[in-house]
Amino acid sequence: MRMNLKATAAALTLSLTATAASAENIVEIAAADDRFSTLVAAVTAAGLAETLSGPGPFTVYAPLNDAFAALPEGAVETLLKPENKGQLTDLLLYHVDDRKLTAGMIPAGSNYFKPLLASQRLCITAGSNGVMIADGTGEMANVVVADIMADNGVIHVVDKVLLPGTRPACH
């Protein structure tokens, strides 16, 4: 019995070491999850895969495929066209912060955060109901899964594509 316990402990230690040694970046994690296939296609089309695979740190508010599907009909297809690369890039940069912000680092209440899309703001509200993000349309996205840790940052899964526009009200 002791021999099996030692073997199990050794195997567990080896497994944990292998996992730590093969940490994945944000793009690798998203690419391995079918729920983000539209996001990965968009990141690739925009030419941002290399950047988001880099050292970071990054916080990505990652919309699920269902969030992209909720956009007006034809919007995703239009954004993925090469002639719309600039617009797609801006949309995606609106989902990225150049810091590693775990859910626990977001202060209680409503606060402005500056995504990588210059001159735009998000209003992130943390409270007893979780974390919500108001975008440039004033609509709210819910963080449905927080703190997916990557070796170059963190992913927060959101149920809405964040759209730039006017500065959201943040009280």
Protein backbone atom coordinates (compact mmCIF):
# COMPACT_ATOMS: atom_id res chain seq x y z
CA MET A 1 0.00 0.00 0.00
CA ARG A 2 2.81 2.45 0.84
CA MET A 3 4.46 1.72 -2.49
CA ASN A 4 1.27 2.65 -4.37
CA LEU A 5 0.92 5.84 -2.35
CA LYS A 6 4.51 6.85 -3.18
CA ALA A 7 4.00 6.03 -6.85
CA THR A 8 0.77 8.04 -6.93
CA ALA A 9 2.45 11.01 -5.23
CA ALA A 10 5.38 10.85 -7.65
CA ALA A 11 3.03 10.70 -10.65
CA LEU A 12 1.01 13.64 -9.33
CA THR A 13 4.18 15.69 -8.79
CA LEU A 14 5.36 14.88 -12.32
CA SER A 15 1.95 15.80 -13.73
CA LEU A 16 1.84 19.14 -11.91
CA THR A 17 5.39 19.94 -12.99
CA ALA A 18 4.57 19.14 -16.61
CA THR A 19 1.47 21.34 -16.45
CA ALA A 20 3.40 24.27 -15.01
CA ALA A 21 6.12 23.84 -17.63
CA SER A 22 3.58 23.91 -20.46
CA ALA A 23 1.61 27.01 -19.46
CA GLU A 24 -0.36 28.44 -22.34
CA ASN A 25 -0.78 31.98 -23.55
CA ILE A 26 -4.14 33.68 -24.10
CA VAL A 27 -4.40 32.74 -27.79
CA GLU A 28 -3.51 29.09 -27.13
CA ILE A 29 -6.14 28.82 -24.41
CA ALA A 30 -8.82 30.42 -26.60
CA ALA A 31 -7.88 28.30 -29.62
CA ALA A 32 -8.23 25.12 -27.55
CA ASP A 33 -11.80 26.02 -26.52
CA ASP A 34 -14.54 25.67 -29.17
CA ARG A 35 -16.64 28.34 -27.40
CA PHE A 36 -14.13 30.94 -28.68
CA SER A 37 -13.82 29.86 -32.34
CA THR A 38 -15.32 33.12 -33.63
CA LEU A 39 -13.04 35.19 -31.39
CA VAL A 40 -9.98 33.23 -32.54
CA ALA A 41 -11.00 33.68 -36.20
CA ALA A 42 -11.37 37.42 -35.60
CA VAL A 43 -8.05 37.73 -33.75
CA THR A 44 -6.34 35.88 -36.61
CA ALA A 45 -8.04 37.97 -39.32
CA ALA A 46 -7.02 41.17 -37.51
CA GLY A 47 -3.40 40.04 -37.26
CA LEU A 48 -3.46 40.19 -33.45
CA ALA A 49 -2.68 36.53 -32.69
CA GLU A 50 1.07 37.15 -32.44
CA THR A 51 0.59 40.18 -30.20
CA LEU A 52 -1.80 38.37 -27.83
CA SER A 53 0.59 35.41 -27.76
CA GLY A 54 3.41 37.74 -26.67
CA PRO A 55 4.64 38.42 -23.16
CA GLY A 56 1.84 40.79 -22.14
CA PRO A 57 0.53 41.24 -19.58
CA PHE A 58 -2.99 41.32 -20.99
CA THR A 59 -6.51 41.06 -19.69
CA VAL A 60 -8.90 39.88 -22.39
CA TYR A 61 -12.67 40.17 -22.06
CA ALA A 62 -13.39 37.22 -24.35
CA PRO A 63 -16.84 37.04 -25.95
CA LEU A 64 -18.33 33.60 -26.46
CA ASN A 65 -19.46 32.46 -29.91
CA ASP A 66 -23.06 33.11 -28.81
CA ALA A 67 -22.13 36.75 -28.14
CA PHE A 68 -20.88 37.16 -31.71
CA ALA A 69 -23.99 35.37 -33.00
CA ALA A 70 -26.15 37.97 -31.20
CA LEU A 71 -24.69 40.78 -33.35
CA PRO A 72 -26.85 41.92 -36.27
CA GLU A 73 -27.03 39.42 -39.13
CA GLY A 74 -23.94 39.58 -41.35
CA ALA A 75 -21.91 41.73 -38.92
CA VAL A 76 -19.28 39.08 -38.18
CA GLU A 77 -18.86 38.15 -41.84
CA THR A 78 -18.49 41.84 -42.74
CA LEU A 79 -15.91 42.44 -40.02
CA LEU A 80 -13.86 39.43 -41.14
CA LYS A 81 -13.42 40.82 -44.67
CA PRO A 82 -9.86 42.02 -45.36
CA GLU A 83 -11.06 45.53 -46.23
CA ASN A 84 -12.51 45.86 -42.70
CA LYS A 85 -9.35 44.82 -40.85
CA GLY A 86 -8.96 48.24 -39.19
CA GLN A 87 -12.52 48.21 -37.84
CA LEU A 88 -12.09 44.60 -36.64
CA THR A 89 -8.80 45.46 -34.96
CA ASP A 90 -10.40 48.39 -33.13
CA LEU A 91 -13.29 46.20 -31.97
CA LEU A 92 -10.91 43.55 -30.64
CA LEU A 93 -8.60 46.06 -28.92
CA TYR A 94 -11.68 47.33 -27.07
CA HIS A 95 -11.68 43.90 -25.35
CA VAL A 96 -8.05 44.08 -24.15
CA ASP A 97 -6.35 45.82 -21.23
CA ASP A 98 -2.55 46.00 -21.04
CA ARG A 99 -2.52 44.87 -17.41
CA LYS A 100 -3.21 41.56 -15.73
CA LEU A 101 -6.47 42.27 -13.89
CA THR A 102 -7.94 39.38 -11.98
CA ALA A 103 -11.53 39.69 -10.77
CA GLY A 104 -10.21 40.27 -7.25
CA MET A 105 -8.23 43.30 -8.45
CA ILE A 106 -11.33 45.07 -9.76
CA PRO A 107 -12.46 47.48 -7.05
CA ALA A 108 -16.00 47.20 -5.71
CA GLY A 109 -18.44 49.56 -7.34
CA SER A 110 -18.24 51.08 -10.81
CA ASN A 111 -14.93 52.25 -12.25
CA TYR A 112 -13.64 53.35 -15.64
CA PHE A 113 -11.03 51.17 -17.30
CA LYS A 114 -9.07 52.09 -20.42
CA PRO A 115 -8.82 49.32 -23.01
CA LEU A 116 -6.12 49.29 -25.68
CA LEU A 117 -8.45 51.07 -28.11
CA ALA A 118 -7.30 54.66 -27.67
CA SER A 119 -9.77 57.24 -26.38
CA GLN A 120 -12.37 54.64 -25.37
CA ARG A 121 -13.47 53.57 -21.89
CA LEU A 122 -15.28 50.67 -20.30
CA CYS A 123 -17.23 50.91 -17.07
CA ILE A 124 -16.59 47.80 -15.01
CA THR A 125 -18.83 47.17 -12.03
CA ALA A 126 -17.88 44.63 -9.39
CA GLY A 127 -20.38 43.71 -6.73
CA SER A 128 -22.26 40.92 -5.01
CA ASN A 129 -23.82 39.93 -8.37
CA GLY A 130 -20.39 39.47 -10.00
CA VAL A 131 -18.64 41.60 -12.58
CA MET A 132 -20.43 43.49 -15.36
CA ILE A 133 -19.01 45.66 -18.11
CA ALA A 134 -20.77 48.61 -19.78
CA ASP A 135 -19.54 49.37 -23.28
CA GLY A 136 -19.92 52.33 -25.64
CA THR A 137 -23.57 51.43 -26.30
CA GLY A 138 -24.35 51.58 -22.58
CA GLU A 139 -25.38 47.92 -22.61
CA MET A 140 -23.99 45.51 -20.04
CA ALA A 141 -21.96 42.37 -20.57
CA ASN A 142 -21.71 39.84 -17.77
CA VAL A 143 -18.46 38.15 -16.86
CA VAL A 144 -19.67 34.54 -16.91
CA VAL A 145 -16.28 32.97 -16.15
CA ALA A 146 -13.54 34.99 -14.45
CA ASP A 147 -9.83 34.46 -14.03
CA ILE A 148 -8.78 31.94 -16.66
CA MET A 149 -5.08 32.30 -16.06
CA ALA A 150 -2.60 32.33 -18.94
CA ASP A 151 1.14 32.71 -18.83
CA ASN A 152 0.79 36.19 -20.34
CA GLY A 153 -2.32 37.43 -18.57
CA VAL A 154 -5.90 36.55 -17.74
CA ILE A 155 -9.13 35.89 -19.63
CA HIS A 156 -12.58 36.91 -18.41
CA VAL A 157 -15.35 35.29 -20.46
CA VAL A 158 -18.18 37.69 -21.36
CA ASP A 159 -21.64 37.08 -22.78
CA LYS A 160 -21.68 40.12 -25.09
CA VAL A 161 -19.38 41.61 -27.71
CA LEU A 162 -18.25 44.94 -26.30
CA LEU A 163 -18.91 47.75 -28.77
CA PRO A 164 -17.10 51.08 -28.73
CA GLY A 165 -19.08 54.29 -28.92
CA THR A 166 -19.80 56.97 -26.37
CA ARG A 167 -18.28 56.85 -22.91
CA PRO A 168 -20.57 54.69 -20.76
CA ALA A 169 -22.13 56.18 -17.64
CA CYS A 170 -20.14 54.97 -14.68
CA HIS A 171 -21.58 55.92 -11.30
